[in-house]
Amino acid sequence: MEGICIAFFAGCAFIGLGLFRPGLLLLAEYCIIWIEFVPTGAAREFSEVGDYSYRMYIFAYPIQQSVVNNVESISPIQMLLVSPCLDHPIAAISWHFLEWPVLKRSRFRREKEPKLAN
């Protein structure tokens, strides 16, 4: 938690110097890394529900392009807010109804295969 405070104040110092974007990027990067490696809490509980990150990576570009083509004059900030709201449910559906059942089935079959003698 101390690291987030340091990153926050460093970001504010950059902002105070008129360097808003670098300060914001510094703060955002550190917060994302901290959330990724936090040992407990909501982020850890969320990661136990399912592995959505790869699916979000795969589906992000087509979803963002669909939003850009269907919404006139959307700003990058609006895209940053809208895209995960659309991307996350699709990634969850893909994980729970496609990939996880296939992984369970393939693990079951591997256990049933006869073992060869050495």
C-alpha atoms as a PDB file:
ATOM      1  CA  MET A   1       0.000   0.000   0.000  1.00  0.00           C
ATOM      2  CA  GLU A   2       2.906   2.333   0.677  1.00  0.00           C
ATOM      3  CA  GLY A   3       4.028   1.929  -2.926  1.00  0.00           C
ATOM      4  CA  ILE A   4       0.682   3.170  -4.208  1.00  0.00           C
ATOM      5  CA  CYS A   5       0.969   6.237  -1.973  1.00  0.00           C
ATOM      6  CA  ILE A   6       4.485   6.914  -3.281  1.00  0.00           C
ATOM      7  CA  ALA A   7       3.314   6.454  -6.878  1.00  0.00           C
ATOM      8  CA  PHE A   8       0.345   8.750  -6.185  1.00  0.00           C
ATOM      9  CA  PHE A   9       2.520  11.524  -4.806  1.00  0.00           C
ATOM     10  CA  ALA A  10       5.089  11.064  -7.587  1.00  0.00           C
ATOM     11  CA  GLY A  11       2.233  11.287 -10.102  1.00  0.00           C
ATOM     12  CA  CYS A  12       0.944  14.447  -8.391  1.00  0.00           C
ATOM     13  CA  ALA A  13       4.452  15.937  -8.532  1.00  0.00           C
ATOM     14  CA  PHE A  14       4.579  15.283 -12.264  1.00  0.00           C
ATOM     15  CA  ILE A  15       1.131  16.826 -12.626  1.00  0.00           C
ATOM     16  CA  GLY A  16       2.230  19.844 -10.581  1.00  0.00           C
ATOM     17  CA  LEU A  17       5.157  20.314 -12.965  1.00  0.00           C
ATOM     18  CA  GLY A  18       2.778  20.410 -15.902  1.00  0.00           C
ATOM     19  CA  LEU A  19       3.540  16.852 -16.927  1.00  0.00           C
ATOM     20  CA  PHE A  20       0.035  15.432 -16.530  1.00  0.00           C
ATOM     21  CA  ARG A  21       0.364  12.512 -18.946  1.00  0.00           C
ATOM     22  CA  PRO A  22       3.678  11.125 -17.613  1.00  0.00           C
ATOM     23  CA  GLY A  23       2.391  11.499 -14.058  1.00  0.00           C
ATOM     24  CA  LEU A  24      -0.834   9.708 -14.879  1.00  0.00           C
ATOM     25  CA  LEU A  25       1.018   6.939 -16.702  1.00  0.00           C
ATOM     26  CA  LEU A  26       3.438   6.461 -13.818  1.00  0.00           C
ATOM     27  CA  LEU A  27       0.592   6.202 -11.350  1.00  0.00           C
ATOM     28  CA  ALA A  28      -1.491   3.899 -13.545  1.00  0.00           C
ATOM     29  CA  GLU A  29       1.400   1.550 -14.328  1.00  0.00           C
ATOM     30  CA  TYR A  30       2.350   1.132 -10.709  1.00  0.00           C
ATOM     31  CA  CYS A  31      -1.261   0.572  -9.616  1.00  0.00           C
ATOM     32  CA  ILE A  32      -1.801  -2.089 -12.274  1.00  0.00           C
ATOM     33  CA  ILE A  33       1.365  -3.934 -11.283  1.00  0.00           C
ATOM     34  CA  TRP A  34       0.450  -3.695  -7.592  1.00  0.00           C
ATOM     35  CA  ILE A  35      -3.052  -5.075  -8.211  1.00  0.00           C
ATOM     36  CA  GLU A  36      -1.589  -7.935 -10.253  1.00  0.00           C
ATOM     37  CA  PHE A  37       0.761  -9.038  -7.488  1.00  0.00           C
ATOM     38  CA  VAL A  38      -1.328  -8.242  -4.405  1.00  0.00           C
ATOM     39  CA  PRO A  39      -1.313 -11.385  -2.227  1.00  0.00           C
ATOM     40  CA  THR A  40      -4.907 -11.093  -0.980  1.00  0.00           C
ATOM     41  CA  GLY A  41      -8.090  -9.233  -1.607  1.00  0.00           C
ATOM     42  CA  ALA A  42     -10.591  -8.798  -4.381  1.00  0.00           C
ATOM     43  CA  ALA A  43      -8.048  -9.116  -7.189  1.00  0.00           C
ATOM     44  CA  ARG A  44      -6.910 -12.517  -5.908  1.00  0.00           C
ATOM     45  CA  GLU A  45     -10.507 -13.719  -5.447  1.00  0.00           C
ATOM     46  CA  PHE A  46     -11.344 -12.530  -8.958  1.00  0.00           C
ATOM     47  CA  SER A  47      -8.480 -14.547 -10.448  1.00  0.00           C
ATOM     48  CA  GLU A  48      -9.822 -17.719  -8.807  1.00  0.00           C
ATOM     49  CA  VAL A  49     -13.180 -17.405 -10.585  1.00  0.00           C
ATOM     50  CA  GLY A  50     -11.717 -18.016 -14.019  1.00  0.00           C
ATOM     51  CA  ASP A  51      -8.872 -17.152 -16.317  1.00  0.00           C
ATOM     52  CA  TYR A  52     -10.349 -14.290 -18.320  1.00  0.00           C
ATOM     53  CA  SER A  53      -7.207 -12.306 -19.105  1.00  0.00           C
ATOM     54  CA  TYR A  54      -6.204 -14.128 -22.284  1.00  0.00           C
ATOM     55  CA  ARG A  55      -9.742 -14.035 -23.648  1.00  0.00           C
ATOM     56  CA  MET A  56      -9.960 -10.323 -22.868  1.00  0.00           C
ATOM     57  CA  TYR A  57      -6.728  -9.870 -24.804  1.00  0.00           C
ATOM     58  CA  ILE A  58      -8.094 -11.851 -27.768  1.00  0.00           C
ATOM     59  CA  PHE A  59     -11.506 -10.166 -27.873  1.00  0.00           C
ATOM     60  CA  ALA A  60     -10.392  -6.588 -27.062  1.00  0.00           C
ATOM     61  CA  TYR A  61      -9.391  -5.526 -30.567  1.00  0.00           C
ATOM     62  CA  PRO A  62     -12.532  -6.725 -32.410  1.00  0.00           C
ATOM     63  CA  ILE A  63     -14.752  -5.233 -29.714  1.00  0.00           C
ATOM     64  CA  GLN A  64     -12.937  -1.892 -29.797  1.00  0.00           C
ATOM     65  CA  GLN A  65     -13.137  -1.772 -33.585  1.00  0.00           C
ATOM     66  CA  SER A  66     -16.858  -2.526 -33.444  1.00  0.00           C
ATOM     67  CA  VAL A  67     -17.361   0.300 -30.959  1.00  0.00           C
ATOM     68  CA  VAL A  68     -15.324   2.725 -33.102  1.00  0.00           C
ATOM     69  CA  ASN A  69     -17.346   1.811 -36.199  1.00  0.00           C
ATOM     70  CA  ASN A  70     -20.720   2.097 -34.471  1.00  0.00           C
ATOM     71  CA  VAL A  71     -20.222   5.080 -32.146  1.00  0.00           C
ATOM     72  CA  GLU A  72     -19.416   8.387 -33.758  1.00  0.00           C
ATOM     73  CA  SER A  73     -16.650  10.518 -32.247  1.00  0.00           C
ATOM     74  CA  ILE A  74     -15.843   8.333 -29.246  1.00  0.00           C
ATOM     75  CA  SER A  75     -12.908   9.663 -27.240  1.00  0.00           C
ATOM     76  CA  PRO A  76     -10.067   7.462 -25.973  1.00  0.00           C
ATOM     77  CA  ILE A  77     -11.257   7.928 -22.382  1.00  0.00           C
ATOM     78  CA  GLN A  78     -14.772   6.837 -23.326  1.00  0.00           C
ATOM     79  CA  MET A  79     -13.286   3.847 -25.146  1.00  0.00           C
ATOM     80  CA  LEU A  80     -11.275   3.002 -22.037  1.00  0.00           C
ATOM     81  CA  LEU A  81     -14.493   2.945 -20.017  1.00  0.00           C
ATOM     82  CA  VAL A  82     -16.742   1.194 -22.552  1.00  0.00           C
ATOM     83  CA  SER A  83     -14.424  -1.479 -23.916  1.00  0.00           C
ATOM     84  CA  PRO A  84     -13.852  -3.483 -20.702  1.00  0.00           C
ATOM     85  CA  CYS A  85     -17.577  -3.403 -19.960  1.00  0.00           C
ATOM     86  CA  LEU A  86     -18.211  -5.148 -23.264  1.00  0.00           C
ATOM     87  CA  ASP A  87     -15.063  -7.272 -23.287  1.00  0.00           C
ATOM     88  CA  HIS A  88     -15.315  -8.825 -19.823  1.00  0.00           C
ATOM     89  CA  PRO A  89     -18.718 -10.522 -20.220  1.00  0.00           C
ATOM     90  CA  ILE A  90     -17.700 -11.989 -23.567  1.00  0.00           C
ATOM     91  CA  ALA A  91     -14.426 -13.260 -22.078  1.00  0.00           C
ATOM     92  CA  ALA A  92     -16.308 -14.820 -19.145  1.00  0.00           C
ATOM     93  CA  ILE A  93     -18.770 -16.561 -21.454  1.00  0.00           C
ATOM     94  CA  SER A  94     -15.918 -17.858 -23.580  1.00  0.00           C
ATOM     95  CA  TRP A  95     -14.075 -19.216 -20.531  1.00  0.00           C
ATOM     96  CA  HIS A  96     -17.021 -20.843 -18.751  1.00  0.00           C
ATOM     97  CA  PHE A  97     -18.884 -22.251 -21.743  1.00  0.00           C
ATOM     98  CA  LEU A  98     -16.118 -23.028 -24.216  1.00  0.00           C
ATOM     99  CA  GLU A  99     -12.572 -23.340 -22.920  1.00  0.00           C
ATOM    100  CA  TRP A 100     -13.105 -24.671 -19.376  1.00  0.00           C
ATOM    101  CA  PRO A 101     -15.413 -27.532 -20.475  1.00  0.00           C
ATOM    102  CA  VAL A 102     -12.939 -28.515 -23.198  1.00  0.00           C
ATOM    103  CA  LEU A 103     -10.047 -28.455 -20.725  1.00  0.00           C
ATOM    104  CA  LYS A 104     -11.982 -30.598 -18.240  1.00  0.00           C
ATOM    105  CA  ARG A 105     -12.856 -33.113 -20.936  1.00  0.00           C
ATOM    106  CA  SER A 106      -9.287 -33.337 -22.236  1.00  0.00           C
ATOM    107  CA  ARG A 107      -7.899 -33.877 -18.705  1.00  0.00           C
ATOM    108  CA  PHE A 108     -10.411 -36.659 -18.136  1.00  0.00           C
ATOM    109  CA  ARG A 109      -9.396 -38.407 -21.354  1.00  0.00           C
ATOM    110  CA  ARG A 110      -5.698 -38.180 -20.542  1.00  0.00           C
ATOM    111  CA  GLU A 111      -6.305 -39.899 -17.215  1.00  0.00           C
ATOM    112  CA  LYS A 112      -8.213 -42.722 -18.949  1.00  0.00           C
ATOM    113  CA  GLU A 113      -5.501 -43.453 -21.531  1.00  0.00           C
ATOM    114  CA  PRO A 114      -3.619 -46.686 -20.897  1.00  0.00           C
ATOM    115  CA  LYS A 115      -0.130 -46.313 -19.595  1.00  0.00           C
ATOM    116  CA  LEU A 116       2.623 -47.908 -21.617  1.00  0.00           C
ATOM    117  CA  ALA A 117       5.133 -50.162 -19.888  1.00  0.00           C
ATOM    118  CA  ASN A 118       8.704 -48.964 -19.931  1.00  0.00           C
END
